[in-house]
Amino acid sequence: VQLQASGGGLVQAGGSLRVSCAASGVNFDADSIGWFRQAPGKEREEISCTSYSDGVTRYKDSVKGRFTVSRDIAKSMVHLQMNNLKPEDTAVYYCNLVRHVLGREMDYWGKGTQVTVSS
């Protein structure tokens, strides 16, 4: 499994941005996909998780209604559409994969992509 996030950049507050995660080796029937972010001086936080069991995505309250996760199964891609961005959304964004096999979980991380929201 290899993960690579891309699509970050600089955007003004209120704008939109889509970041993507190329997930080679992903098995969407066994892998949960999460998006995390880490702002300067803060701990990494989970902002979304898409369950492998039912494909449902849960969101952190602070991004609910503004961020949307979608999966392109054929291309092994996961996208995070971010609308109405706020300066507090500024962070490095990471995708995470948790593989569930025989009762065990294996955790994979990719390099992040920087998102900067100016006020």
C-alpha atoms as a PDB file:
ATOM      1  CA  VAL A   1       0.000   0.000   0.000  1.00  0.00           C
ATOM      2  CA  GLN A   2       1.237   3.454  -0.897  1.00  0.00           C
ATOM      3  CA  LEU A   3      -0.577   6.704  -0.265  1.00  0.00           C
ATOM      4  CA  GLN A   4       0.132  10.089  -1.766  1.00  0.00           C
ATOM      5  CA  ALA A   5      -1.891  13.207  -1.083  1.00  0.00           C
ATOM      6  CA  SER A   6      -1.927  16.021  -3.612  1.00  0.00           C
ATOM      7  CA  GLY A   7      -3.869  19.096  -4.611  1.00  0.00           C
ATOM      8  CA  GLY A   8      -3.113  21.421  -1.748  1.00  0.00           C
ATOM      9  CA  GLY A   9      -2.454  25.080  -2.241  1.00  0.00           C
ATOM     10  CA  LEU A  10      -3.291  28.614  -1.234  1.00  0.00           C
ATOM     11  CA  VAL A  11      -6.892  29.790  -1.264  1.00  0.00           C
ATOM     12  CA  GLN A  12      -8.789  32.740   0.152  1.00  0.00           C
ATOM     13  CA  ALA A  13     -11.289  32.304   2.931  1.00  0.00           C
ATOM     14  CA  GLY A  14     -14.626  31.221   1.543  1.00  0.00           C
ATOM     15  CA  GLY A  15     -12.991  29.474  -1.371  1.00  0.00           C
ATOM     16  CA  SER A  16     -12.806  25.821  -2.320  1.00  0.00           C
ATOM     17  CA  LEU A  17     -10.088  23.289  -2.847  1.00  0.00           C
ATOM     18  CA  ARG A  18      -9.976  19.588  -3.582  1.00  0.00           C
ATOM     19  CA  VAL A  19      -7.216  17.389  -2.279  1.00  0.00           C
ATOM     20  CA  SER A  20      -6.793  13.863  -3.518  1.00  0.00           C
ATOM     21  CA  CYS A  21      -5.196  10.698  -2.258  1.00  0.00           C
ATOM     22  CA  ALA A  22      -3.760   8.160  -4.651  1.00  0.00           C
ATOM     23  CA  ALA A  23      -3.997   4.862  -2.814  1.00  0.00           C
ATOM     24  CA  SER A  24      -2.154   2.157  -4.705  1.00  0.00           C
ATOM     25  CA  GLY A  25      -2.895  -1.287  -3.382  1.00  0.00           C
ATOM     26  CA  VAL A  26      -6.115  -0.203  -1.699  1.00  0.00           C
ATOM     27  CA  ASN A  27      -8.929  -2.684  -1.147  1.00  0.00           C
ATOM     28  CA  PHE A  28     -12.038  -0.658  -0.396  1.00  0.00           C
ATOM     29  CA  ASP A  29     -13.761  -3.785   0.932  1.00  0.00           C
ATOM     30  CA  ALA A  30     -11.193  -4.126   3.703  1.00  0.00           C
ATOM     31  CA  ASP A  31      -9.704  -0.650   4.108  1.00  0.00           C
ATOM     32  CA  SER A  32     -11.057   2.337   5.955  1.00  0.00           C
ATOM     33  CA  ILE A  33      -9.830   5.637   4.576  1.00  0.00           C
ATOM     34  CA  GLY A  34      -9.356   8.674   6.748  1.00  0.00           C
ATOM     35  CA  TRP A  35      -8.328  12.254   6.220  1.00  0.00           C
ATOM     36  CA  PHE A  36      -6.275  13.921   8.911  1.00  0.00           C
ATOM     37  CA  ARG A  37      -4.740  17.333   9.234  1.00  0.00           C
ATOM     38  CA  GLN A  38      -2.062  18.912  11.348  1.00  0.00           C
ATOM     39  CA  ALA A  39      -1.831  22.634  11.884  1.00  0.00           C
ATOM     40  CA  PRO A  40       1.393  24.266  13.095  1.00  0.00           C
ATOM     41  CA  GLY A  41       1.899  23.662  16.791  1.00  0.00           C
ATOM     42  CA  LYS A  42      -1.092  21.363  17.030  1.00  0.00           C
ATOM     43  CA  GLU A  43      -1.636  17.649  17.137  1.00  0.00           C
ATOM     44  CA  ARG A  44      -2.787  15.732  14.102  1.00  0.00           C
ATOM     45  CA  GLU A  45      -6.553  15.407  14.063  1.00  0.00           C
ATOM     46  CA  GLU A  46      -8.912  13.176  12.178  1.00  0.00           C
ATOM     47  CA  ILE A  47     -11.425  15.076  10.071  1.00  0.00           C
ATOM     48  CA  SER A  48     -13.118  12.231   8.243  1.00  0.00           C
ATOM     49  CA  CYS A  49     -13.269   8.476   8.117  1.00  0.00           C
ATOM     50  CA  THR A  50     -14.864   6.335   5.424  1.00  0.00           C
ATOM     51  CA  SER A  51     -15.701   2.896   6.741  1.00  0.00           C
ATOM     52  CA  TYR A  52     -14.763  -0.168   4.711  1.00  0.00           C
ATOM     53  CA  SER A  53     -17.844  -2.028   5.942  1.00  0.00           C
ATOM     54  CA  ASP A  54     -20.516   0.265   4.535  1.00  0.00           C
ATOM     55  CA  GLY A  55     -18.712   3.078   2.716  1.00  0.00           C
ATOM     56  CA  VAL A  56     -20.265   5.677   5.004  1.00  0.00           C
ATOM     57  CA  THR A  57     -18.150   8.702   5.848  1.00  0.00           C
ATOM     58  CA  ARG A  58     -18.184  10.378   9.250  1.00  0.00           C
ATOM     59  CA  TYR A  59     -16.913  13.922   9.636  1.00  0.00           C
ATOM     60  CA  LYS A  60     -15.474  15.986  12.435  1.00  0.00           C
ATOM     61  CA  ASP A  61     -18.039  18.547  13.518  1.00  0.00           C
ATOM     62  CA  SER A  62     -15.901  21.507  12.491  1.00  0.00           C
ATOM     63  CA  VAL A  63     -15.887  20.409   8.833  1.00  0.00           C
ATOM     64  CA  LYS A  64     -19.318  18.822   8.602  1.00  0.00           C
ATOM     65  CA  GLY A  65     -21.353  20.421   5.838  1.00  0.00           C
ATOM     66  CA  ARG A  66     -18.278  21.976   4.254  1.00  0.00           C
ATOM     67  CA  PHE A  67     -16.088  18.975   3.425  1.00  0.00           C
ATOM     68  CA  THR A  68     -17.113  15.977   1.353  1.00  0.00           C
ATOM     69  CA  VAL A  69     -15.228  12.751   0.754  1.00  0.00           C
ATOM     70  CA  SER A  70     -15.669  10.767  -2.427  1.00  0.00           C
ATOM     71  CA  ARG A  71     -14.056   7.624  -3.731  1.00  0.00           C
ATOM     72  CA  ASP A  72     -13.078   6.726  -7.280  1.00  0.00           C
ATOM     73  CA  ILE A  73     -12.797   2.995  -6.869  1.00  0.00           C
ATOM     74  CA  ALA A  74     -11.689   2.342 -10.450  1.00  0.00           C
ATOM     75  CA  LYS A  75      -8.749   4.727 -10.056  1.00  0.00           C
ATOM     76  CA  SER A  76      -7.972   3.876  -6.410  1.00  0.00           C
ATOM     77  CA  MET A  77      -8.398   7.531  -5.514  1.00  0.00           C
ATOM     78  CA  VAL A  78     -10.054   9.259  -2.603  1.00  0.00           C
ATOM     79  CA  HIS A  79     -10.931  12.939  -2.836  1.00  0.00           C
ATOM     80  CA  LEU A  80     -11.617  15.520  -0.169  1.00  0.00           C
ATOM     81  CA  GLN A  81     -13.673  18.419  -1.489  1.00  0.00           C
ATOM     82  CA  MET A  82     -13.357  21.408   0.811  1.00  0.00           C
ATOM     83  CA  ASN A  83     -15.787  24.300   0.469  1.00  0.00           C
ATOM     84  CA  ASN A  84     -16.226  27.523   2.402  1.00  0.00           C
ATOM     85  CA  LEU A  85     -12.680  27.250   3.677  1.00  0.00           C
ATOM     86  CA  LYS A  86     -11.655  29.130   6.784  1.00  0.00           C
ATOM     87  CA  PRO A  87      -8.227  30.276   7.960  1.00  0.00           C
ATOM     88  CA  GLU A  88      -8.418  27.680  10.739  1.00  0.00           C
ATOM     89  CA  ASP A  89      -8.482  24.975   8.052  1.00  0.00           C
ATOM     90  CA  THR A  90      -4.855  25.799   7.298  1.00  0.00           C
ATOM     91  CA  ALA A  91      -2.853  22.622   7.870  1.00  0.00           C
ATOM     92  CA  VAL A  92      -0.995  19.791   6.243  1.00  0.00           C
ATOM     93  CA  TYR A  93      -3.570  17.259   5.097  1.00  0.00           C
ATOM     94  CA  TYR A  94      -2.853  13.536   5.167  1.00  0.00           C
ATOM     95  CA  CYS A  95      -4.719  10.486   4.001  1.00  0.00           C
ATOM     96  CA  ASN A  96      -4.650   7.390   6.140  1.00  0.00           C
ATOM     97  CA  LEU A  97      -5.593   3.791   5.397  1.00  0.00           C
ATOM     98  CA  VAL A  98      -6.450   1.190   7.989  1.00  0.00           C
ATOM     99  CA  ARG A  99      -6.585  -2.350   6.673  1.00  0.00           C
ATOM    100  CA  HIS A 100      -8.740  -4.806   8.563  1.00  0.00           C
ATOM    101  CA  VAL A 101      -7.596  -8.390   8.108  1.00  0.00           C
ATOM    102  CA  LEU A 102      -8.352 -11.374  10.362  1.00  0.00           C
ATOM    103  CA  GLY A 103      -9.122  -9.177  13.329  1.00  0.00           C
ATOM    104  CA  ARG A 104      -5.967  -7.124  12.978  1.00  0.00           C
ATOM    105  CA  GLU A 105      -5.509  -3.556  11.830  1.00  0.00           C
ATOM    106  CA  MET A 106      -2.600  -2.306   9.749  1.00  0.00           C
ATOM    107  CA  ASP A 107      -2.052   1.436   9.497  1.00  0.00           C
ATOM    108  CA  TYR A 108      -0.640   3.265   6.495  1.00  0.00           C
ATOM    109  CA  TRP A 109       0.195   6.943   6.014  1.00  0.00           C
ATOM    110  CA  GLY A 110       1.183   8.991   3.042  1.00  0.00           C
ATOM    111  CA  LYS A 111       2.991  12.276   2.753  1.00  0.00           C
ATOM    112  CA  GLY A 112       0.743  15.228   3.292  1.00  0.00           C
ATOM    113  CA  THR A 113      -0.198  18.201   1.207  1.00  0.00           C
ATOM    114  CA  GLN A 114      -0.230  21.776   2.486  1.00  0.00           C
ATOM    115  CA  VAL A 115      -3.482  23.734   2.487  1.00  0.00           C
ATOM    116  CA  THR A 116      -3.255  27.410   3.345  1.00  0.00           C
ATOM    117  CA  VAL A 117      -6.350  29.578   3.723  1.00  0.00           C
ATOM    118  CA  SER A 118      -5.782  33.311   3.806  1.00  0.00           C
ATOM    119  CA  SER A 119      -8.164  35.703   5.521  1.00  0.00           C
END
